[in-house]
Amino acid sequence: MESNQEATRLRIYISNTDKFRHSLLSETLVFAARRYGLAGATVIRGSMGYGSSSVVHTTKFWEITDKLPVVVELVDEAPKIDRFLKGIRPWFDKIPTGCMITAEKVEIVLFKQGVKRKFFEL
């Protein structure tokens, strides 16, 4: 990706307790994005929210389950996002909980790659 380039932002709204094949769905999505070669992925944990069930989940009150909203956000070139979405879309038919996926065009204002740190130099 480059600065001043048009891209697509994919947002996946789920819960921090959602699972796919015995793993957290948010983690599974991040590792899948990496395998698909996407530029990056971010998991954002919300402190309060509700979905299609209209049940409000919050950190304000003590609850037996720590069920909170999570957004997995990915930005990359449209063809890469489309390919990724086609690959993961069937997963959401298999999970019993509600979710939402959105996509929108964005402009990359700045894209700067970091330098991988070397832990061992010989």
PDB file of N, CA and C in Angstrom:
ATOM      1  N   MET A   1       0.842  -1.180   0.000  1.00  0.00           N
ATOM      2  CA  MET A   1       0.000   0.000   0.000  1.00  0.00           C
ATOM      3  C   MET A   1       0.882   1.236   0.000  1.00  0.00           C
ATOM      4  N   GLU A   2       0.297   2.311  -0.457  1.00  0.00           N
ATOM      5  CA  GLU A   2       1.021   3.572  -0.516  1.00  0.00           C
ATOM      6  C   GLU A   2       0.147   4.692   0.029  1.00  0.00           C
ATOM      7  N   SER A   3       0.795   5.780   0.456  1.00  0.00           N
ATOM      8  CA  SER A   3       0.056   6.969   0.888  1.00  0.00           C
ATOM      9  C   SER A   3      -0.732   7.528  -0.286  1.00  0.00           C
ATOM     10  N   ASN A   4      -1.838   8.194   0.021  1.00  0.00           N
ATOM     11  CA  ASN A   4      -2.728   8.804  -0.970  1.00  0.00           C
ATOM     12  C   ASN A   4      -3.327   7.787  -1.939  1.00  0.00           C
ATOM     13  N   GLN A   5      -3.514   6.592  -1.473  1.00  0.00           N
ATOM     14  CA  GLN A   5      -4.093   5.519  -2.272  1.00  0.00           C
ATOM     15  C   GLN A   5      -5.486   5.209  -1.735  1.00  0.00           C
ATOM     16  N   GLU A   6      -6.394   4.810  -2.607  1.00  0.00           N
ATOM     17  CA  GLU A   6      -7.717   4.400  -2.168  1.00  0.00           C
ATOM     18  C   GLU A   6      -7.649   2.947  -1.716  1.00  0.00           C
ATOM     19  N   ALA A   7      -8.348   2.642  -0.641  1.00  0.00           N
ATOM     20  CA  ALA A   7      -8.344   1.288  -0.085  1.00  0.00           C
ATOM     21  C   ALA A   7      -9.737   0.980   0.463  1.00  0.00           C
ATOM     22  N   THR A   8      -9.880  -0.204   1.029  1.00  0.00           N
ATOM     23  CA  THR A   8     -11.134  -0.615   1.652  1.00  0.00           C
ATOM     24  C   THR A   8     -10.878  -0.925   3.116  1.00  0.00           C
ATOM     25  N   ARG A   9     -11.779  -0.427   3.978  1.00  0.00           N
ATOM     26  CA  ARG A   9     -11.726  -0.764   5.401  1.00  0.00           C
ATOM     27  C   ARG A   9     -12.834  -1.776   5.671  1.00  0.00           C
ATOM     28  N   LEU A  10     -12.467  -2.904   6.228  1.00  0.00           N
ATOM     29  CA  LEU A  10     -13.412  -3.951   6.601  1.00  0.00           C
ATOM     30  C   LEU A  10     -13.516  -3.952   8.108  1.00  0.00           C
ATOM     31  N   ARG A  11     -14.739  -3.857   8.605  1.00  0.00           N
ATOM     32  CA  ARG A  11     -14.968  -3.916  10.055  1.00  0.00           C
ATOM     33  C   ARG A  11     -15.878  -5.089  10.362  1.00  0.00           C
ATOM     34  N   ILE A  12     -15.465  -5.873  11.333  1.00  0.00           N
ATOM     35  CA  ILE A  12     -16.218  -7.056  11.737  1.00  0.00           C
ATOM     36  C   ILE A  12     -16.593  -6.877  13.196  1.00  0.00           C
ATOM     37  N   TYR A  13     -17.890  -6.754  13.452  1.00  0.00           N
ATOM     38  CA  TYR A  13     -18.415  -6.524  14.797  1.00  0.00           C
ATOM     39  C   TYR A  13     -18.839  -7.862  15.388  1.00  0.00           C
ATOM     40  N   ILE A  14     -18.175  -8.261  16.465  1.00  0.00           N
ATOM     41  CA  ILE A  14     -18.452  -9.534  17.120  1.00  0.00           C
ATOM     42  C   ILE A  14     -18.356  -9.333  18.628  1.00  0.00           C
ATOM     43  N   SER A  15     -18.362 -10.419  19.366  1.00  0.00           N
ATOM     44  CA  SER A  15     -18.190 -10.381  20.815  1.00  0.00           C
ATOM     45  C   SER A  15     -16.843 -10.998  21.166  1.00  0.00           C
ATOM     46  N   ASN A  16     -16.284 -10.590  22.279  1.00  0.00           N
ATOM     47  CA  ASN A  16     -15.003 -11.147  22.706  1.00  0.00           C
ATOM     48  C   ASN A  16     -15.123 -12.606  23.136  1.00  0.00           C
ATOM     49  N   THR A  17     -16.340 -13.120  23.268  1.00  0.00           N
ATOM     50  CA  THR A  17     -16.530 -14.521  23.646  1.00  0.00           C
ATOM     51  C   THR A  17     -16.850 -15.407  22.439  1.00  0.00           C
ATOM     52  N   ASP A  18     -17.002 -14.826  21.260  1.00  0.00           N
ATOM     53  CA  ASP A  18     -17.315 -15.616  20.065  1.00  0.00           C
ATOM     54  C   ASP A  18     -16.145 -16.527  19.722  1.00  0.00           C
ATOM     55  N   LYS A  19     -16.482 -17.767  19.386  1.00  0.00           N
ATOM     56  CA  LYS A  19     -15.454 -18.753  19.063  1.00  0.00           C
ATOM     57  C   LYS A  19     -15.695 -19.343  17.692  1.00  0.00           C
ATOM     58  N   PHE A  20     -14.616 -19.797  17.085  1.00  0.00           N
ATOM     59  CA  PHE A  20     -14.670 -20.528  15.820  1.00  0.00           C
ATOM     60  C   PHE A  20     -13.673 -21.667  15.935  1.00  0.00           C
ATOM     61  N   ARG A  21     -14.171 -22.894  15.874  1.00  0.00           N
ATOM     62  CA  ARG A  21     -13.321 -24.091  15.993  1.00  0.00           C
ATOM     63  C   ARG A  21     -12.455 -24.047  17.249  1.00  0.00           C
ATOM     64  N   HIS A  22     -13.034 -23.793  18.379  1.00  0.00           N
ATOM     65  CA  HIS A  22     -12.385 -23.823  19.694  1.00  0.00           C
ATOM     66  C   HIS A  22     -11.371 -22.698  19.931  1.00  0.00           C
ATOM     67  N   SER A  23     -11.333 -21.700  19.055  1.00  0.00           N
ATOM     68  CA  SER A  23     -10.446 -20.547  19.254  1.00  0.00           C
ATOM     69  C   SER A  23     -11.285 -19.277  19.233  1.00  0.00           C
ATOM     70  N   LEU A  24     -10.768 -18.226  19.838  1.00  0.00           N
ATOM     71  CA  LEU A  24     -11.474 -16.955  19.786  1.00  0.00           C
ATOM     72  C   LEU A  24     -11.584 -16.495  18.337  1.00  0.00           C
ATOM     73  N   LEU A  25     -12.777 -16.081  17.942  1.00  0.00           N
ATOM     74  CA  LEU A  25     -13.009 -15.657  16.569  1.00  0.00           C
ATOM     75  C   LEU A  25     -12.123 -14.474  16.195  1.00  0.00           C
ATOM     76  N   SER A  26     -11.953 -13.527  17.113  1.00  0.00           N
ATOM     77  CA  SER A  26     -11.115 -12.352  16.813  1.00  0.00           C
ATOM     78  C   SER A  26      -9.679 -12.768  16.502  1.00  0.00           C
ATOM     79  N   GLU A  27      -9.123 -13.697  17.268  1.00  0.00           N
ATOM     80  CA  GLU A  27      -7.762 -14.176  17.018  1.00  0.00           C
ATOM     81  C   GLU A  27      -7.692 -14.937  15.704  1.00  0.00           C
ATOM     82  N   THR A  28      -8.686 -15.758  15.447  1.00  0.00           N
ATOM     83  CA  THR A  28      -8.728 -16.529  14.208  1.00  0.00           C
ATOM     84  C   THR A  28      -8.753 -15.608  13.001  1.00  0.00           C
ATOM     85  N   LEU A  29      -9.512 -14.515  13.095  1.00  0.00           N
ATOM     86  CA  LEU A  29      -9.587 -13.546  11.999  1.00  0.00           C
ATOM     87  C   LEU A  29      -8.244 -12.848  11.769  1.00  0.00           C
ATOM     88  N   VAL A  30      -7.560 -12.483  12.841  1.00  0.00           N
ATOM     89  CA  VAL A  30      -6.262 -11.808  12.706  1.00  0.00           C
ATOM     90  C   VAL A  30      -5.243 -12.741  12.054  1.00  0.00           C
ATOM     91  N   PHE A  31      -5.183 -13.989  12.502  1.00  0.00           N
ATOM     92  CA  PHE A  31      -4.232 -14.930  11.908  1.00  0.00           C
ATOM     93  C   PHE A  31      -4.594 -15.241  10.457  1.00  0.00           C
ATOM     94  N   ALA A  32      -5.879 -15.280  10.139  1.00  0.00           N
ATOM     95  CA  ALA A  32      -6.305 -15.496   8.755  1.00  0.00           C
ATOM     96  C   ALA A  32      -5.899 -14.306   7.887  1.00  0.00           C
ATOM     97  N   ALA A  33      -6.077 -13.091   8.398  1.00  0.00           N
ATOM     98  CA  ALA A  33      -5.691 -11.889   7.652  1.00  0.00           C
ATOM     99  C   ALA A  33      -4.197 -11.924   7.343  1.00  0.00           C
ATOM    100  N   ARG A  34      -3.423 -12.384   8.285  1.00  0.00           N
ATOM    101  CA  ARG A  34      -1.977 -12.478   8.071  1.00  0.00           C
ATOM    102  C   ARG A  34      -1.653 -13.500   6.984  1.00  0.00           C
ATOM    103  N   ARG A  35      -2.347 -14.649   7.028  1.00  0.00           N
ATOM    104  CA  ARG A  35      -2.139 -15.668   5.989  1.00  0.00           C
ATOM    105  C   ARG A  35      -2.539 -15.157   4.604  1.00  0.00           C
ATOM    106  N   TYR A  36      -3.577 -14.315   4.538  1.00  0.00           N
ATOM    107  CA  TYR A  36      -4.023 -13.749   3.270  1.00  0.00           C
ATOM    108  C   TYR A  36      -3.124 -12.607   2.799  1.00  0.00           C
ATOM    109  N   GLY A  37      -2.154 -12.221   3.611  1.00  0.00           N
ATOM    110  CA  GLY A  37      -1.209 -11.183   3.213  1.00  0.00           C
ATOM    111  C   GLY A  37      -1.751  -9.768   3.324  1.00  0.00           C
ATOM    112  N   LEU A  38      -2.764  -9.561   4.174  1.00  0.00           N
ATOM    113  CA  LEU A  38      -3.306  -8.218   4.343  1.00  0.00           C
ATOM    114  C   LEU A  38      -2.301  -7.337   5.082  1.00  0.00           C
ATOM    115  N   ALA A  39      -2.411  -6.036   4.865  1.00  0.00           N
ATOM    116  CA  ALA A  39      -1.449  -5.083   5.426  1.00  0.00           C
ATOM    117  C   ALA A  39      -1.421  -5.105   6.951  1.00  0.00           C
ATOM    118  N   GLY A  40      -2.551  -5.372   7.587  1.00  0.00           N
ATOM    119  CA  GLY A  40      -2.596  -5.413   9.042  1.00  0.00           C
ATOM    120  C   GLY A  40      -4.007  -5.616   9.549  1.00  0.00           C
ATOM    121  N   ALA A  41      -4.115  -5.909  10.801  1.00  0.00           N
ATOM    122  CA  ALA A  41      -5.411  -6.101  11.444  1.00  0.00           C
ATOM    123  C   ALA A  41      -5.324  -5.581  12.869  1.00  0.00           C
ATOM    124  N   THR A  42      -6.416  -5.006  13.346  1.00  0.00           N
ATOM    125  CA  THR A  42      -6.479  -4.486  14.704  1.00  0.00           C
ATOM    126  C   THR A  42      -7.753  -4.986  15.365  1.00  0.00           C
ATOM    127  N   VAL A  43      -7.635  -5.451  16.600  1.00  0.00           N
ATOM    128  CA  VAL A  43      -8.798  -5.855  17.380  1.00  0.00           C
ATOM    129  C   VAL A  43      -9.029  -4.774  18.421  1.00  0.00           C
ATOM    130  N   ILE A  44     -10.235  -4.199  18.388  1.00  0.00           N
ATOM    131  CA  ILE A  44     -10.592  -3.125  19.309  1.00  0.00           C
ATOM    132  C   ILE A  44     -11.678  -3.651  20.242  1.00  0.00           C
ATOM    133  N   ARG A  45     -11.399  -3.625  21.535  1.00  0.00           N
ATOM    134  CA  ARG A  45     -12.354  -4.119  22.521  1.00  0.00           C
ATOM    135  C   ARG A  45     -13.159  -2.949  23.067  1.00  0.00           C
ATOM    136  N   GLY A  46     -14.470  -3.051  22.966  1.00  0.00           N
ATOM    137  CA  GLY A  46     -15.347  -2.007  23.461  1.00  0.00           C
ATOM    138  C   GLY A  46     -15.612  -2.149  24.948  1.00  0.00           C
ATOM    139  N   SER A  47     -15.990  -1.064  25.585  1.00  0.00           N
ATOM    140  CA  SER A  47     -16.315  -1.105  27.008  1.00  0.00           C
ATOM    141  C   SER A  47     -17.818  -1.215  27.243  1.00  0.00           C
ATOM    142  N   MET A  48     -18.604  -1.009  26.171  1.00  0.00           N
ATOM    143  CA  MET A  48     -20.055  -1.092  26.300  1.00  0.00           C
ATOM    144  C   MET A  48     -20.674  -1.216  24.916  1.00  0.00           C
ATOM    145  N   GLY A  49     -21.759  -1.976  24.815  1.00  0.00           N
ATOM    146  CA  GLY A  49     -22.438  -2.081  23.537  1.00  0.00           C
ATOM    147  C   GLY A  49     -23.560  -3.089  23.562  1.00  0.00           C
ATOM    148  N   TYR A  50     -24.338  -3.102  22.485  1.00  0.00           N
ATOM    149  CA  TYR A  50     -25.356  -4.128  22.302  1.00  0.00           C
ATOM    150  C   TYR A  50     -25.505  -4.402  20.823  1.00  0.00           C
ATOM    151  N   GLY A  51     -26.042  -5.560  20.525  1.00  0.00           N
ATOM    152  CA  GLY A  51     -26.231  -5.962  19.132  1.00  0.00           C
ATOM    153  C   GLY A  51     -27.684  -6.254  18.860  1.00  0.00           C
ATOM    154  N   SER A  52     -27.927  -7.209  17.965  1.00  0.00           N
ATOM    155  CA  SER A  52     -29.282  -7.512  17.535  1.00  0.00           C
ATOM    156  C   SER A  52     -30.160  -8.048  18.666  1.00  0.00           C
ATOM    157  N   SER A  53     -29.540  -8.578  19.730  1.00  0.00           N
ATOM    158  CA  SER A  53     -30.322  -9.080  20.868  1.00  0.00           C
ATOM    159  C   SER A  53     -30.835  -7.950  21.755  1.00  0.00           C
ATOM    160  N   SER A  54     -30.299  -6.759  21.608  1.00  0.00           N
ATOM    161  CA  SER A  54     -30.615  -5.571  22.407  1.00  0.00           C
ATOM    162  C   SER A  54     -30.220  -5.702  23.877  1.00  0.00           C
ATOM    163  N   VAL A  55     -29.401  -6.696  24.207  1.00  0.00           N
ATOM    164  CA  VAL A  55     -28.891  -6.843  25.566  1.00  0.00           C
ATOM    165  C   VAL A  55     -27.621  -6.009  25.677  1.00  0.00           C
ATOM    166  N   VAL A  56     -27.604  -5.064  26.627  1.00  0.00           N
ATOM    167  CA  VAL A  56     -26.448  -4.188  26.805  1.00  0.00           C
ATOM    168  C   VAL A  56     -25.400  -4.916  27.640  1.00  0.00           C
ATOM    169  N   HIS A  57     -24.176  -4.947  27.130  1.00  0.00           N
ATOM    170  CA  HIS A  57     -23.043  -5.520  27.854  1.00  0.00           C
ATOM    171  C   HIS A  57     -22.089  -4.381  28.167  1.00  0.00           C
ATOM    172  N   THR A  58     -21.594  -4.370  29.398  1.00  0.00           N
ATOM    173  CA  THR A  58     -20.746  -3.275  29.820  1.00  0.00           C
ATOM    174  C   THR A  58     -19.744  -3.733  30.859  1.00  0.00           C
ATOM    175  N   THR A  59     -18.648  -3.010  31.004  1.00  0.00           N
ATOM    176  CA  THR A  59     -17.678  -3.275  32.066  1.00  0.00           C
ATOM    177  C   THR A  59     -18.079  -2.552  33.341  1.00  0.00           C
ATOM    178  N   LYS A  60     -19.115  -1.742  33.275  1.00  0.00           N
ATOM    179  CA  LYS A  60     -19.532  -0.942  34.419  1.00  0.00           C
ATOM    180  C   LYS A  60     -20.068  -1.813  35.559  1.00  0.00           C
ATOM    181  N   PHE A  61     -20.790  -2.848  35.200  1.00  0.00           N
ATOM    182  CA  PHE A  61     -21.373  -3.725  36.200  1.00  0.00           C
ATOM    183  C   PHE A  61     -20.667  -5.068  36.164  1.00  0.00           C
ATOM    184  N   TRP A  62     -20.523  -5.660  37.333  1.00  0.00           N
ATOM    185  CA  TRP A  62     -19.899  -6.971  37.405  1.00  0.00           C
ATOM    186  C   TRP A  62     -20.845  -7.992  36.802  1.00  0.00           C
ATOM    187  N   GLU A  63     -20.315  -8.801  35.910  1.00  0.00           N
ATOM    188  CA  GLU A  63     -21.113  -9.842  35.284  1.00  0.00           C
ATOM    189  C   GLU A  63     -20.387 -11.164  35.415  1.00  0.00           C
ATOM    190  N   ILE A  64     -21.147 -12.253  35.387  1.00  0.00           N
ATOM    191  CA  ILE A  64     -20.539 -13.581  35.454  1.00  0.00           C
ATOM    192  C   ILE A  64     -19.667 -13.805  34.220  1.00  0.00           C
ATOM    193  N   THR A  65     -20.165 -13.413  33.056  1.00  0.00           N
ATOM    194  CA  THR A  65     -19.357 -13.516  31.839  1.00  0.00           C
ATOM    195  C   THR A  65     -18.884 -12.122  31.469  1.00  0.00           C
ATOM    196  N   ASP A  66     -17.699 -12.071  30.975  1.00  0.00           N
ATOM    197  CA  ASP A  66     -17.121 -10.792  30.563  1.00  0.00           C
ATOM    198  C   ASP A  66     -17.361 -10.609  29.073  1.00  0.00           C
ATOM    199  N   LYS A  67     -18.628 -10.624  28.673  1.00  0.00           N
ATOM    200  CA  LYS A  67     -18.988 -10.513  27.262  1.00  0.00           C
ATOM    201  C   LYS A  67     -19.023  -9.043  26.871  1.00  0.00           C
ATOM    202  N   LEU A  68     -18.114  -8.666  25.958  1.00  0.00           N
ATOM    203  CA  LEU A  68     -18.011  -7.282  25.525  1.00  0.00           C
ATOM    204  C   LEU A  68     -17.897  -7.218  24.008  1.00  0.00           C
ATOM    205  N   PRO A  69     -18.276  -6.076  23.419  1.00  0.00           N
ATOM    206  CA  PRO A  69     -18.168  -5.955  21.971  1.00  0.00           C
ATOM    207  C   PRO A  69     -16.712  -5.848  21.522  1.00  0.00           C
ATOM    208  N   VAL A  70     -16.467  -6.387  20.338  1.00  0.00           N
ATOM    209  CA  VAL A  70     -15.136  -6.352  19.734  1.00  0.00           C
ATOM    210  C   VAL A  70     -15.304  -5.978  18.262  1.00  0.00           C
ATOM    211  N   VAL A  71     -14.392  -5.154  17.762  1.00  0.00           N
ATOM    212  CA  VAL A  71     -14.361  -4.826  16.338  1.00  0.00           C
ATOM    213  C   VAL A  71     -13.004  -5.258  15.812  1.00  0.00           C
ATOM    214  N   VAL A  72     -13.016  -6.066  14.763  1.00  0.00           N
ATOM    215  CA  VAL A  72     -11.790  -6.425  14.066  1.00  0.00           C
ATOM    216  C   VAL A  72     -11.753  -5.548  12.822  1.00  0.00           C
ATOM    217  N   GLU A  73     -10.702  -4.750  12.709  1.00  0.00           N
ATOM    218  CA  GLU A  73     -10.628  -3.776  11.620  1.00  0.00           C
ATOM    219  C   GLU A  73      -9.415  -4.082  10.744  1.00  0.00           C
ATOM    220  N   LEU A  74      -9.661  -4.082   9.416  1.00  0.00           N
ATOM    221  CA  LEU A  74      -8.618  -4.365   8.451  1.00  0.00           C
ATOM    222  C   LEU A  74      -8.693  -3.334   7.340  1.00  0.00           C
ATOM    223  N   VAL A  75      -7.549  -2.876   6.855  1.00  0.00           N
ATOM    224  CA  VAL A  75      -7.503  -1.929   5.741  1.00  0.00           C
ATOM    225  C   VAL A  75      -6.481  -2.445   4.742  1.00  0.00           C
ATOM    226  N   ASP A  76      -6.902  -2.529   3.493  1.00  0.00           N
ATOM    227  CA  ASP A  76      -5.987  -2.930   2.431  1.00  0.00           C
ATOM    228  C   ASP A  76      -6.631  -2.614   1.092  1.00  0.00           C
ATOM    229  N   GLU A  77      -5.949  -2.965   0.025  1.00  0.00           N
ATOM    230  CA  GLU A  77      -6.481  -2.756  -1.316  1.00  0.00           C
ATOM    231  C   GLU A  77      -7.759  -3.573  -1.491  1.00  0.00           C
ATOM    232  N   ALA A  78      -8.717  -3.030  -2.223  1.00  0.00           N
ATOM    233  CA  ALA A  78     -10.031  -3.655  -2.384  1.00  0.00           C
ATOM    234  C   ALA A  78      -9.966  -5.111  -2.840  1.00  0.00           C
ATOM    235  N   PRO A  79      -9.159  -5.476  -3.839  1.00  0.00           N
ATOM    236  CA  PRO A  79      -9.130  -6.879  -4.259  1.00  0.00           C
ATOM    237  C   PRO A  79      -8.681  -7.837  -3.150  1.00  0.00           C
ATOM    238  N   LYS A  80      -7.723  -7.390  -2.324  1.00  0.00           N
ATOM    239  CA  LYS A  80      -7.252  -8.235  -1.219  1.00  0.00           C
ATOM    240  C   LYS A  80      -8.341  -8.402  -0.160  1.00  0.00           C
ATOM    241  N   ILE A  81      -9.031  -7.313   0.161  1.00  0.00           N
ATOM    242  CA  ILE A  81     -10.122  -7.384   1.140  1.00  0.00           C
ATOM    243  C   ILE A  81     -11.244  -8.276   0.605  1.00  0.00           C
ATOM    244  N   ASP A  82     -11.577  -8.143  -0.670  1.00  0.00           N
ATOM    245  CA  ASP A  82     -12.631  -8.965  -1.270  1.00  0.00           C
ATOM    246  C   ASP A  82     -12.285 -10.451  -1.213  1.00  0.00           C
ATOM    247  N   ARG A  83     -11.039 -10.776  -1.515  1.00  0.00           N
ATOM    248  CA  ARG A  83     -10.597 -12.180  -1.467  1.00  0.00           C
ATOM    249  C   ARG A  83     -10.670 -12.717  -0.037  1.00  0.00           C
ATOM    250  N   PHE A  84     -10.227 -11.904   0.925  1.00  0.00           N
ATOM    251  CA  PHE A  84     -10.287 -12.295   2.335  1.00  0.00           C
ATOM    252  C   PHE A  84     -11.732 -12.512   2.769  1.00  0.00           C
ATOM    253  N   LEU A  85     -12.596 -11.585   2.414  1.00  0.00           N
ATOM    254  CA  LEU A  85     -14.002 -11.676   2.806  1.00  0.00           C
ATOM    255  C   LEU A  85     -14.665 -12.927   2.234  1.00  0.00           C
ATOM    256  N   LYS A  86     -14.367 -13.257   0.995  1.00  0.00           N
ATOM    257  CA  LYS A  86     -14.914 -14.488   0.402  1.00  0.00           C
ATOM    258  C   LYS A  86     -14.444 -15.720   1.156  1.00  0.00           C
ATOM    259  N   GLY A  87     -13.222 -15.682   1.650  1.00  0.00           N
ATOM    260  CA  GLY A  87     -12.676 -16.812   2.399  1.00  0.00           C
ATOM    261  C   GLY A  87     -13.277 -16.995   3.775  1.00  0.00           C
ATOM    262  N   ILE A  88     -13.562 -15.881   4.457  1.00  0.00           N
ATOM    263  CA  ILE A  88     -14.059 -15.983   5.839  1.00  0.00           C
ATOM    264  C   ILE A  88     -15.578 -15.966   5.940  1.00  0.00           C
ATOM    265  N   ARG A  89     -16.253 -15.526   4.902  1.00  0.00           N
ATOM    266  CA  ARG A  89     -17.720 -15.364   4.954  1.00  0.00           C
ATOM    267  C   ARG A  89     -18.437 -16.633   5.417  1.00  0.00           C
ATOM    268  N   PRO A  90     -18.057 -17.828   4.949  1.00  0.00           N
ATOM    269  CA  PRO A  90     -18.738 -19.045   5.413  1.00  0.00           C
ATOM    270  C   PRO A  90     -18.596 -19.304   6.914  1.00  0.00           C
ATOM    271  N   TRP A  91     -17.547 -18.784   7.542  1.00  0.00           N
ATOM    272  CA  TRP A  91     -17.372 -18.977   8.979  1.00  0.00           C
ATOM    273  C   TRP A  91     -18.552 -18.415   9.756  1.00  0.00           C
ATOM    274  N   PHE A  92     -19.086 -17.299   9.291  1.00  0.00           N
ATOM    275  CA  PHE A  92     -20.129 -16.604  10.038  1.00  0.00           C
ATOM    276  C   PHE A  92     -21.477 -17.314   9.951  1.00  0.00           C
ATOM    277  N   ASP A  93     -21.636 -18.196   8.972  1.00  0.00           N
ATOM    278  CA  ASP A  93     -22.837 -19.026   8.910  1.00  0.00           C
ATOM    279  C   ASP A  93     -22.794 -20.113   9.969  1.00  0.00           C
ATOM    280  N   LYS A  94     -21.604 -20.450  10.452  1.00  0.00           N
ATOM    281  CA  LYS A  94     -21.425 -21.539  11.410  1.00  0.00           C
ATOM    282  C   LYS A  94     -21.460 -21.091  12.865  1.00  0.00           C
ATOM    283  N   ILE A  95     -21.289 -19.799  13.133  1.00  0.00           N
ATOM    284  CA  ILE A  95     -21.316 -19.355  14.531  1.00  0.00           C
ATOM    285  C   ILE A  95     -22.758 -19.021  14.922  1.00  0.00           C
ATOM    286  N   PRO A  96     -23.144 -19.356  16.155  1.00  0.00           N
ATOM    287  CA  PRO A  96     -24.533 -19.161  16.564  1.00  0.00           C
ATOM    288  C   PRO A  96     -24.877 -17.738  16.995  1.00  0.00           C
ATOM    289  N   THR A  97     -23.879 -16.890  17.173  1.00  0.00           N
ATOM    290  CA  THR A  97     -24.126 -15.551  17.702  1.00  0.00           C
ATOM    291  C   THR A  97     -24.298 -14.535  16.586  1.00  0.00           C
ATOM    292  N   GLY A  98     -24.818 -13.379  16.936  1.00  0.00           N
ATOM    293  CA  GLY A  98     -25.000 -12.303  15.970  1.00  0.00           C
ATOM    294  C   GLY A  98     -23.687 -11.600  15.674  1.00  0.00           C
ATOM    295  N   CYS A  99     -23.634 -10.965  14.523  1.00  0.00           N
ATOM    296  CA  CYS A  99     -22.440 -10.227  14.123  1.00  0.00           C
ATOM    297  C   CYS A  99     -22.826  -9.282  12.997  1.00  0.00           C
ATOM    298  N   MET A 100     -21.894  -8.424  12.616  1.00  0.00           N
ATOM    299  CA  MET A 100     -22.113  -7.538  11.484  1.00  0.00           C
ATOM    300  C   MET A 100     -20.763  -7.265  10.832  1.00  0.00           C
ATOM    301  N   ILE A 101     -20.765  -7.204   9.493  1.00  0.00           N
ATOM    302  CA  ILE A 101     -19.557  -6.905   8.740  1.00  0.00           C
ATOM    303  C   ILE A 101     -19.866  -5.720   7.836  1.00  0.00           C
ATOM    304  N   THR A 102     -19.000  -4.714   7.868  1.00  0.00           N
ATOM    305  CA  THR A 102     -19.174  -3.552   6.998  1.00  0.00           C
ATOM    306  C   THR A 102     -17.897  -3.336   6.194  1.00  0.00           C
ATOM    307  N   ALA A 103     -18.053  -2.686   5.052  1.00  0.00           N
ATOM    308  CA  ALA A 103     -16.905  -2.336   4.223  1.00  0.00           C
ATOM    309  C   ALA A 103     -17.131  -0.945   3.679  1.00  0.00           C
ATOM    310  N   GLU A 104     -16.067  -0.162   3.626  1.00  0.00           N
ATOM    311  CA  GLU A 104     -16.172   1.186   3.087  1.00  0.00           C
ATOM    312  C   GLU A 104     -14.853   1.595   2.455  1.00  0.00           C
ATOM    313  N   LYS A 105     -14.948   2.467   1.465  1.00  0.00           N
ATOM    314  CA  LYS A 105     -13.755   2.993   0.819  1.00  0.00           C
ATOM    315  C   LYS A 105     -13.128   4.042   1.720  1.00  0.00           C
ATOM    316  N   VAL A 106     -11.803   4.002   1.802  1.00  0.00           N
ATOM    317  CA  VAL A 106     -11.054   4.982   2.583  1.00  0.00           C
ATOM    318  C   VAL A 106      -9.851   5.437   1.768  1.00  0.00           C
ATOM    319  N   GLU A 107      -9.306   6.575   2.138  1.00  0.00           N
ATOM    320  CA  GLU A 107      -8.079   7.062   1.516  1.00  0.00           C
ATOM    321  C   GLU A 107      -6.942   6.901   2.509  1.00  0.00           C
ATOM    322  N   ILE A 108      -5.885   6.285   2.080  1.00  0.00           N
ATOM    323  CA  ILE A 108      -4.708   6.137   2.926  1.00  0.00           C
ATOM    324  C   ILE A 108      -3.985   7.478   2.935  1.00  0.00           C
ATOM    325  N   VAL A 109      -3.996   8.155   4.048  1.00  0.00           N
ATOM    326  CA  VAL A 109      -3.337   9.454   4.173  1.00  0.00           C
ATOM    327  C   VAL A 109      -1.838   9.258   4.361  1.00  0.00           C
ATOM    328  N   LEU A 110      -1.470   8.289   5.180  1.00  0.00           N
ATOM    329  CA  LEU A 110      -0.056   7.993   5.423  1.00  0.00           C
ATOM    330  C   LEU A 110       0.081   6.502   5.643  1.00  0.00           C
ATOM    331  N   PHE A 111       1.005   5.897   4.959  1.00  0.00           N
ATOM    332  CA  PHE A 111       1.333   4.489   5.182  1.00  0.00           C
ATOM    333  C   PHE A 111       2.842   4.399   5.291  1.00  0.00           C
ATOM    334  N   LYS A 112       3.316   4.080   6.466  1.00  0.00           N
ATOM    335  CA  LYS A 112       4.751   3.984   6.713  1.00  0.00           C
ATOM    336  C   LYS A 112       5.031   2.630   7.336  1.00  0.00           C
ATOM    337  N   GLN A 113       5.848   1.850   6.678  1.00  0.00           N
ATOM    338  CA  GLN A 113       6.185   0.553   7.221  1.00  0.00           C
ATOM    339  C   GLN A 113       7.232   0.699   8.305  1.00  0.00           C
ATOM    340  N   GLY A 114       7.061  -0.100   9.338  1.00  0.00           N
ATOM    341  CA  GLY A 114       8.043  -0.123  10.405  1.00  0.00           C
ATOM    342  C   GLY A 114       9.203  -1.040  10.046  1.00  0.00           C
ATOM    343  N   VAL A 115      10.272  -0.924  10.784  1.00  0.00           N
ATOM    344  CA  VAL A 115      11.444  -1.766  10.582  1.00  0.00           C
ATOM    345  C   VAL A 115      11.374  -2.897  11.599  1.00  0.00           C
ATOM    346  N   LYS A 116      11.532  -4.122  11.117  1.00  0.00           N
ATOM    347  CA  LYS A 116      11.539  -5.253  12.034  1.00  0.00           C
ATOM    348  C   LYS A 116      12.782  -5.185  12.901  1.00  0.00           C
ATOM    349  N   ARG A 117      12.562  -5.328  14.193  1.00  0.00           N
ATOM    350  CA  ARG A 117      13.687  -5.292  15.119  1.00  0.00           C
ATOM    351  C   ARG A 117      14.380  -6.642  15.132  1.00  0.00           C
ATOM    352  N   LYS A 118      15.676  -6.585  15.190  1.00  0.00           N
ATOM    353  CA  LYS A 118      16.472  -7.819  15.297  1.00  0.00           C
ATOM    354  C   LYS A 118      16.752  -8.069  16.764  1.00  0.00           C
ATOM    355  N   PHE A 119      16.381  -9.260  17.218  1.00  0.00           N
ATOM    356  CA  PHE A 119      16.588  -9.572  18.623  1.00  0.00           C
ATOM    357  C   PHE A 119      17.980 -10.140  18.874  1.00  0.00           C
ATOM    358  N   PHE A 120      18.489 -10.832  17.880  1.00  0.00           N
ATOM    359  CA  PHE A 120      19.812 -11.431  18.030  1.00  0.00           C
ATOM    360  C   PHE A 120      20.663 -11.005  16.850  1.00  0.00           C
ATOM    361  N   GLU A 121      21.769 -10.408  17.117  1.00  0.00           N
ATOM    362  CA  GLU A 121      22.704 -10.058  16.044  1.00  0.00           C
ATOM    363  C   GLU A 121      23.989 -10.821  16.299  1.00  0.00           C
ATOM    364  N   LEU A 122      24.435 -11.520  15.281  1.00  0.00           N
ATOM    365  CA  LEU A 122      25.669 -12.305  15.421  1.00  0.00           C
ATOM    366  C   LEU A 122      26.812 -11.634  14.706  1.00  0.00           C
TER     367      LEU A 122
END
